[in-house]
Amino acid sequence: MEKIKLNLGCGNDIKKGWINVDKEDFGQEVMCDLNKKPYPFDDNSAEVILMQDVIEHLKSPKLGLKEIYRIASDGCTLVIRTPHPKSPNWKKDKEHISPIYPEFLQKFDVFPCDVVYYHCQKGLFHYWNQLAVIRVKK
């Protein structure tokens, strides 16, 4: 089976060579509400999963991530970018419903994995975005 690359919660950031997924119509390949399970992908089918500015929109990030684990193949790279809960970006969007604190990403224990990279962008007066790169183990 050929492995896929998923761009979950893509919005208008449509990536060529990826399966772009969003609940709104942006001309992507798949329309899917990530708060509803199961996601329309086979077990162990993804080699890369991008969640850029999406996890904070999930009603239950841990349940969504368990669904991600089902889809991810062994060695899958999961990239999560999310605003820090103290970021001005967090406060701007009323659809941000699940704050993701640094400890959650740094000590990621939702499923077997290695956190290979974590960074929190800080400015002079604010926290901004967090970025985690996680390698899935099965």
N, C-alpha and C. Protein backbone atom coordinates (compact mmCIF):
# COMPACT_ATOMS: atom_id res chain seq x y z
N MET A 1 0.85 -1.18 0.00
CA MET A 1 0.00 0.00 0.00
C MET A 1 0.89 1.25 0.00
N GLU A 2 0.58 2.18 -0.90
CA GLU A 2 1.32 3.44 -0.95
C GLU A 2 0.92 4.31 0.23
N LYS A 3 1.91 4.88 0.89
CA LYS A 3 1.66 5.73 2.05
C LYS A 3 1.24 7.13 1.59
N ILE A 4 0.40 7.76 2.42
CA ILE A 4 -0.13 9.08 2.08
C ILE A 4 0.43 10.15 3.00
N LYS A 5 0.34 11.40 2.54
CA LYS A 5 0.68 12.57 3.35
C LYS A 5 -0.61 13.35 3.54
N LEU A 6 -0.95 13.63 4.79
CA LEU A 6 -2.20 14.32 5.12
C LEU A 6 -1.93 15.72 5.63
N ASN A 7 -2.68 16.67 5.11
CA ASN A 7 -2.66 18.06 5.57
C ASN A 7 -4.02 18.31 6.21
N LEU A 8 -4.11 18.02 7.52
CA LEU A 8 -5.39 18.08 8.23
C LEU A 8 -5.72 19.51 8.65
N GLY A 9 -6.96 19.92 8.42
CA GLY A 9 -7.37 21.29 8.74
C GLY A 9 -6.65 22.28 7.84
N CYS A 10 -6.59 21.95 6.56
CA CYS A 10 -5.76 22.69 5.61
C CYS A 10 -6.20 24.13 5.38
N GLY A 11 -7.49 24.42 5.53
CA GLY A 11 -7.96 25.74 5.15
C GLY A 11 -7.62 25.98 3.69
N ASN A 12 -7.14 27.17 3.37
CA ASN A 12 -6.80 27.46 1.97
C ASN A 12 -5.33 27.14 1.64
N ASP A 13 -4.63 26.47 2.57
CA ASP A 13 -3.23 26.07 2.34
C ASP A 13 -3.21 24.67 1.69
N ILE A 14 -3.60 24.62 0.42
CA ILE A 14 -3.67 23.36 -0.33
C ILE A 14 -2.26 23.00 -0.79
N LYS A 15 -1.80 21.80 -0.40
CA LYS A 15 -0.45 21.36 -0.75
C LYS A 15 -0.52 20.30 -1.85
N LYS A 16 0.27 20.49 -2.89
CA LYS A 16 0.33 19.51 -3.98
C LYS A 16 1.01 18.24 -3.49
N GLY A 17 0.48 17.10 -3.91
CA GLY A 17 1.05 15.82 -3.51
C GLY A 17 0.58 15.34 -2.15
N TRP A 18 -0.27 16.11 -1.52
CA TRP A 18 -0.83 15.76 -0.22
C TRP A 18 -2.33 15.54 -0.37
N ILE A 19 -2.91 14.86 0.62
CA ILE A 19 -4.37 14.82 0.72
C ILE A 19 -4.74 15.91 1.71
N ASN A 20 -5.39 16.94 1.20
CA ASN A 20 -5.76 18.11 1.98
C ASN A 20 -7.17 17.89 2.52
N VAL A 21 -7.35 18.19 3.82
CA VAL A 21 -8.59 17.87 4.52
C VAL A 21 -9.06 19.09 5.31
N ASP A 22 -10.33 19.42 5.18
CA ASP A 22 -10.93 20.47 6.01
C ASP A 22 -12.44 20.26 6.05
N LYS A 23 -13.09 20.83 7.06
CA LYS A 23 -14.55 20.70 7.15
C LYS A 23 -15.27 21.70 6.26
N GLU A 24 -14.60 22.79 5.89
CA GLU A 24 -15.14 23.80 4.97
C GLU A 24 -14.61 23.52 3.58
N ASP A 25 -15.28 24.02 2.57
CA ASP A 25 -14.87 23.78 1.18
C ASP A 25 -13.85 24.82 0.73
N PHE A 26 -12.61 24.36 0.57
CA PHE A 26 -11.54 25.20 0.05
C PHE A 26 -11.01 24.63 -1.27
N GLY A 27 -11.74 23.66 -1.84
CA GLY A 27 -11.28 23.00 -3.05
C GLY A 27 -10.32 21.85 -2.76
N GLN A 28 -10.29 21.40 -1.52
CA GLN A 28 -9.41 20.30 -1.12
C GLN A 28 -9.97 18.95 -1.55
N GLU A 29 -9.18 17.90 -1.38
CA GLU A 29 -9.58 16.57 -1.80
C GLU A 29 -10.66 15.95 -0.90
N VAL A 30 -10.60 16.21 0.40
CA VAL A 30 -11.50 15.56 1.36
C VAL A 30 -12.13 16.60 2.28
N MET A 31 -13.47 16.54 2.40
CA MET A 31 -14.17 17.34 3.41
C MET A 31 -14.45 16.43 4.59
N CYS A 32 -13.99 16.85 5.77
CA CYS A 32 -14.13 16.03 6.96
C CYS A 32 -14.06 16.93 8.19
N ASP A 33 -15.00 16.75 9.11
CA ASP A 33 -14.97 17.43 10.40
C ASP A 33 -14.10 16.59 11.33
N LEU A 34 -12.97 17.11 11.73
CA LEU A 34 -12.02 16.35 12.55
C LEU A 34 -12.51 16.11 13.97
N ASN A 35 -13.65 16.68 14.33
CA ASN A 35 -14.26 16.38 15.63
C ASN A 35 -15.11 15.11 15.56
N LYS A 36 -15.28 14.57 14.34
CA LYS A 36 -16.11 13.37 14.17
C LYS A 36 -15.23 12.20 13.74
N LYS A 37 -15.40 11.07 14.41
CA LYS A 37 -14.62 9.87 14.13
C LYS A 37 -15.52 8.83 13.48
N PRO A 38 -14.99 7.90 12.74
CA PRO A 38 -13.58 7.81 12.33
C PRO A 38 -13.28 8.73 11.16
N TYR A 39 -11.99 9.08 11.05
CA TYR A 39 -11.55 9.83 9.89
C TYR A 39 -11.56 8.89 8.68
N PRO A 40 -11.77 9.40 7.49
CA PRO A 40 -11.95 8.53 6.31
C PRO A 40 -10.63 8.03 5.69
N PHE A 41 -9.76 7.47 6.53
CA PHE A 41 -8.47 6.96 6.05
C PHE A 41 -8.21 5.60 6.67
N ASP A 42 -7.49 4.76 5.94
CA ASP A 42 -7.17 3.41 6.39
C ASP A 42 -6.18 3.42 7.55
N ASP A 43 -6.22 2.37 8.34
CA ASP A 43 -5.24 2.15 9.40
C ASP A 43 -3.84 2.13 8.79
N ASN A 44 -2.89 2.70 9.52
CA ASN A 44 -1.46 2.63 9.14
C ASN A 44 -1.17 3.13 7.73
N SER A 45 -1.92 4.11 7.25
CA SER A 45 -1.79 4.55 5.85
C SER A 45 -0.95 5.82 5.66
N ALA A 46 -0.69 6.57 6.73
CA ALA A 46 -0.03 7.88 6.56
C ALA A 46 1.43 7.83 6.97
N GLU A 47 2.28 8.44 6.12
CA GLU A 47 3.70 8.55 6.45
C GLU A 47 4.04 9.93 7.02
N VAL A 48 3.21 10.92 6.72
CA VAL A 48 3.37 12.28 7.25
C VAL A 48 1.98 12.84 7.50
N ILE A 49 1.82 13.47 8.67
CA ILE A 49 0.56 14.13 9.00
C ILE A 49 0.89 15.53 9.51
N LEU A 50 0.30 16.52 8.87
CA LEU A 50 0.49 17.91 9.25
C LEU A 50 -0.79 18.41 9.90
N MET A 51 -0.66 18.95 11.11
CA MET A 51 -1.78 19.58 11.82
C MET A 51 -1.34 21.00 12.16
N GLN A 52 -1.51 21.89 11.22
CA GLN A 52 -1.06 23.27 11.38
C GLN A 52 -2.24 24.14 11.78
N ASP A 53 -2.22 24.62 13.01
CA ASP A 53 -3.28 25.47 13.54
C ASP A 53 -4.64 24.78 13.51
N VAL A 54 -4.67 23.52 13.96
CA VAL A 54 -5.93 22.77 13.96
C VAL A 54 -6.23 22.12 15.32
N ILE A 55 -5.22 21.64 16.05
CA ILE A 55 -5.47 20.88 17.27
C ILE A 55 -6.24 21.70 18.32
N GLU A 56 -6.01 23.00 18.33
CA GLU A 56 -6.70 23.87 19.30
C GLU A 56 -8.18 24.05 18.97
N HIS A 57 -8.58 23.61 17.78
CA HIS A 57 -9.99 23.69 17.37
C HIS A 57 -10.76 22.41 17.70
N LEU A 58 -10.07 21.37 18.13
CA LEU A 58 -10.72 20.10 18.43
C LEU A 58 -11.37 20.12 19.82
N LYS A 59 -12.56 19.55 19.91
CA LYS A 59 -13.25 19.47 21.20
C LYS A 59 -12.48 18.60 22.17
N SER A 60 -11.89 17.53 21.68
CA SER A 60 -11.07 16.64 22.49
C SER A 60 -9.79 16.32 21.72
N PRO A 61 -8.72 17.10 21.94
CA PRO A 61 -7.48 16.84 21.23
C PRO A 61 -6.96 15.41 21.42
N LYS A 62 -7.09 14.86 22.62
CA LYS A 62 -6.58 13.50 22.84
C LYS A 62 -7.34 12.48 22.01
N LEU A 63 -8.66 12.61 21.90
CA LEU A 63 -9.42 11.68 21.06
C LEU A 63 -9.04 11.82 19.59
N GLY A 64 -8.86 13.05 19.15
CA GLY A 64 -8.41 13.28 17.77
C GLY A 64 -7.04 12.67 17.52
N LEU A 65 -6.15 12.80 18.50
CA LEU A 65 -4.81 12.25 18.35
C LEU A 65 -4.81 10.72 18.38
N LYS A 66 -5.74 10.13 19.09
CA LYS A 66 -5.85 8.67 19.06
C LYS A 66 -6.29 8.20 17.68
N GLU A 67 -7.12 8.98 17.02
CA GLU A 67 -7.52 8.67 15.64
C GLU A 67 -6.32 8.87 14.70
N ILE A 68 -5.51 9.87 14.96
CA ILE A 68 -4.28 10.09 14.20
C ILE A 68 -3.37 8.86 14.32
N TYR A 69 -3.26 8.32 15.54
CA TYR A 69 -2.42 7.13 15.76
C TYR A 69 -2.92 5.94 14.93
N ARG A 70 -4.21 5.78 14.82
CA ARG A 70 -4.78 4.69 14.02
C ARG A 70 -4.34 4.82 12.55
N ILE A 71 -4.36 6.04 12.05
CA ILE A 71 -4.05 6.31 10.65
C ILE A 71 -2.55 6.26 10.37
N ALA A 72 -1.75 6.65 11.36
CA ALA A 72 -0.30 6.77 11.17
C ALA A 72 0.36 5.40 11.03
N SER A 73 1.34 5.33 10.14
CA SER A 73 2.15 4.11 10.03
C SER A 73 3.31 4.22 11.02
N ASP A 74 3.99 3.11 11.24
CA ASP A 74 5.17 3.13 12.10
C ASP A 74 6.21 4.07 11.49
N GLY A 75 6.73 4.98 12.29
CA GLY A 75 7.70 5.95 11.80
C GLY A 75 7.10 7.19 11.19
N CYS A 76 5.78 7.27 11.15
CA CYS A 76 5.09 8.45 10.61
C CYS A 76 5.57 9.71 11.34
N THR A 77 5.76 10.77 10.58
CA THR A 77 6.10 12.06 11.16
C THR A 77 4.83 12.87 11.32
N LEU A 78 4.55 13.27 12.56
CA LEU A 78 3.41 14.11 12.89
C LEU A 78 3.94 15.49 13.24
N VAL A 79 3.48 16.50 12.53
CA VAL A 79 3.90 17.88 12.78
C VAL A 79 2.69 18.64 13.30
N ILE A 80 2.84 19.20 14.50
CA ILE A 80 1.76 19.97 15.12
C ILE A 80 2.25 21.40 15.36
N ARG A 81 1.53 22.36 14.80
CA ARG A 81 1.77 23.77 15.11
C ARG A 81 0.50 24.30 15.73
N THR A 82 0.65 25.01 16.84
CA THR A 82 -0.50 25.54 17.55
C THR A 82 -0.08 26.80 18.30
N PRO A 83 -0.99 27.76 18.47
CA PRO A 83 -0.61 28.93 19.26
C PRO A 83 -0.46 28.58 20.74
N HIS A 84 0.47 29.20 21.38
CA HIS A 84 0.60 29.09 22.84
C HIS A 84 -0.66 29.71 23.44
N PRO A 85 -1.21 29.14 24.52
CA PRO A 85 -2.43 29.70 25.10
C PRO A 85 -2.30 31.15 25.59
N LYS A 86 -1.08 31.63 25.80
CA LYS A 86 -0.89 33.03 26.20
C LYS A 86 -0.57 33.93 25.02
N SER A 87 -0.67 33.38 23.82
CA SER A 87 -0.38 34.13 22.61
C SER A 87 -1.53 35.05 22.24
N PRO A 88 -1.24 36.22 21.67
CA PRO A 88 -2.32 37.06 21.14
C PRO A 88 -3.13 36.33 20.07
N ASN A 89 -2.49 35.41 19.33
CA ASN A 89 -3.20 34.64 18.30
C ASN A 89 -4.26 33.74 18.93
N TRP A 90 -4.00 33.25 20.13
CA TRP A 90 -4.98 32.40 20.81
C TRP A 90 -6.25 33.19 21.06
N LYS A 91 -6.11 34.40 21.54
CA LYS A 91 -7.24 35.22 21.94
C LYS A 91 -8.04 35.77 20.75
N LYS A 92 -7.40 35.86 19.58
CA LYS A 92 -8.06 36.43 18.41
C LYS A 92 -9.16 35.56 17.84
N ASP A 93 -9.03 34.25 17.98
CA ASP A 93 -9.93 33.32 17.31
C ASP A 93 -10.89 32.68 18.31
N LYS A 94 -12.17 32.99 18.17
CA LYS A 94 -13.18 32.46 19.09
C LYS A 94 -13.40 30.95 18.92
N GLU A 95 -12.88 30.37 17.84
CA GLU A 95 -13.00 28.92 17.63
C GLU A 95 -11.87 28.14 18.30
N HIS A 96 -10.95 28.83 18.96
CA HIS A 96 -9.92 28.14 19.74
C HIS A 96 -10.59 27.68 21.03
N ILE A 97 -10.77 26.37 21.16
CA ILE A 97 -11.51 25.85 22.31
C ILE A 97 -10.68 24.94 23.22
N SER A 98 -9.52 24.51 22.75
CA SER A 98 -8.68 23.60 23.55
C SER A 98 -7.26 24.15 23.64
N PRO A 99 -6.93 24.80 24.75
CA PRO A 99 -5.56 25.31 24.88
C PRO A 99 -4.56 24.16 24.96
N ILE A 100 -3.48 24.28 24.23
CA ILE A 100 -2.42 23.27 24.23
C ILE A 100 -1.20 23.91 24.91
N TYR A 101 -0.88 23.40 26.09
CA TYR A 101 0.24 23.94 26.86
C TYR A 101 1.54 23.23 26.46
N PRO A 102 2.67 23.90 26.63
CA PRO A 102 3.95 23.31 26.22
C PRO A 102 4.20 21.90 26.77
N GLU A 103 3.84 21.67 28.01
CA GLU A 103 4.08 20.36 28.63
C GLU A 103 3.39 19.23 27.86
N PHE A 104 2.22 19.52 27.30
CA PHE A 104 1.48 18.51 26.54
C PHE A 104 2.30 18.04 25.34
N LEU A 105 2.91 18.98 24.64
CA LEU A 105 3.68 18.64 23.45
C LEU A 105 5.08 18.12 23.81
N GLN A 106 5.69 18.68 24.85
CA GLN A 106 7.04 18.27 25.23
C GLN A 106 7.08 16.86 25.80
N LYS A 107 6.06 16.50 26.57
CA LYS A 107 6.00 15.18 27.23
C LYS A 107 4.92 14.32 26.60
N PHE A 108 4.71 14.47 25.33
CA PHE A 108 3.63 13.84 24.60
C PHE A 108 3.50 12.36 24.97
N ASP A 109 2.35 12.00 25.55
CA ASP A 109 2.15 10.61 26.00
C ASP A 109 0.80 10.04 25.57
N VAL A 110 0.25 10.57 24.51
CA VAL A 110 -1.06 10.10 24.03
C VAL A 110 -0.93 8.73 23.38
N PHE A 111 0.20 8.47 22.75
CA PHE A 111 0.49 7.18 22.12
C PHE A 111 2.01 7.02 22.05
N PRO A 112 2.49 5.80 21.77
CA PRO A 112 3.94 5.58 21.71
C PRO A 112 4.59 6.42 20.60
N CYS A 113 5.63 7.18 20.98
CA CYS A 113 6.28 8.07 20.02
C CYS A 113 7.55 8.64 20.62
N ASP A 114 8.28 9.35 19.79
CA ASP A 114 9.41 10.18 20.23
C ASP A 114 9.12 11.60 19.81
N VAL A 115 9.28 12.55 20.72
CA VAL A 115 9.21 13.96 20.35
C VAL A 115 10.61 14.32 19.87
N VAL A 116 10.76 14.51 18.56
CA VAL A 116 12.09 14.77 18.00
C VAL A 116 12.43 16.26 17.96
N TYR A 117 11.41 17.11 18.10
CA TYR A 117 11.66 18.55 18.09
C TYR A 117 10.49 19.26 18.76
N TYR A 118 10.82 20.24 19.58
CA TYR A 118 9.80 21.13 20.15
C TYR A 118 10.40 22.53 20.21
N HIS A 119 9.60 23.50 19.83
CA HIS A 119 10.03 24.90 19.93
C HIS A 119 8.82 25.77 20.22
N CYS A 120 9.00 26.72 21.12
CA CYS A 120 7.98 27.72 21.38
C CYS A 120 8.56 29.07 20.99
N GLN A 121 7.94 29.70 20.02
CA GLN A 121 8.39 31.00 19.56
C GLN A 121 7.97 32.05 20.57
N LYS A 122 8.95 32.82 21.05
CA LYS A 122 8.66 33.87 22.02
C LYS A 122 9.13 35.21 21.46
N GLY A 123 8.32 36.23 21.66
CA GLY A 123 8.71 37.58 21.30
C GLY A 123 9.14 38.33 22.54
N LEU A 124 9.30 39.61 22.43
CA LEU A 124 9.69 40.42 23.59
C LEU A 124 8.62 40.42 24.68
N PHE A 125 7.37 40.46 24.28
CA PHE A 125 6.29 40.59 25.25
C PHE A 125 5.29 39.45 25.23
N HIS A 126 5.39 38.55 24.27
CA HIS A 126 4.37 37.51 24.09
C HIS A 126 4.98 36.17 23.74
N TYR A 127 4.25 35.13 24.06
CA TYR A 127 4.48 33.82 23.46
C TYR A 127 3.72 33.83 22.14
N TRP A 128 4.18 33.05 21.18
CA TRP A 128 3.48 32.98 19.91
C TRP A 128 3.10 31.54 19.60
N ASN A 129 3.74 30.94 18.63
CA ASN A 129 3.39 29.59 18.22
C ASN A 129 4.30 28.54 18.84
N GLN A 130 3.75 27.33 18.94
CA GLN A 130 4.51 26.17 19.34
C GLN A 130 4.59 25.24 18.15
N LEU A 131 5.70 24.53 18.04
CA LEU A 131 5.88 23.56 16.96
C LEU A 131 6.46 22.29 17.55
N ALA A 132 5.81 21.17 17.27
CA ALA A 132 6.32 19.87 17.71
C ALA A 132 6.39 18.93 16.51
N VAL A 133 7.48 18.18 16.45
CA VAL A 133 7.63 17.14 15.45
C VAL A 133 7.73 15.83 16.22
N ILE A 134 6.83 14.92 15.91
CA ILE A 134 6.67 13.68 16.67
C ILE A 134 6.81 12.50 15.71
N ARG A 135 7.61 11.51 16.12
CA ARG A 135 7.78 10.29 15.31
C ARG A 135 6.98 9.17 15.98
N VAL A 136 6.02 8.63 15.24
CA VAL A 136 5.10 7.61 15.75
C VAL A 136 5.80 6.25 15.83
N LYS A 137 5.57 5.55 16.94
CA LYS A 137 6.09 4.18 17.10
C LYS A 137 4.92 3.21 17.19
N LYS A 138 5.03 2.14 16.43
CA LYS A 138 3.99 1.10 16.51
C LYS A 138 4.64 -0.25 16.70
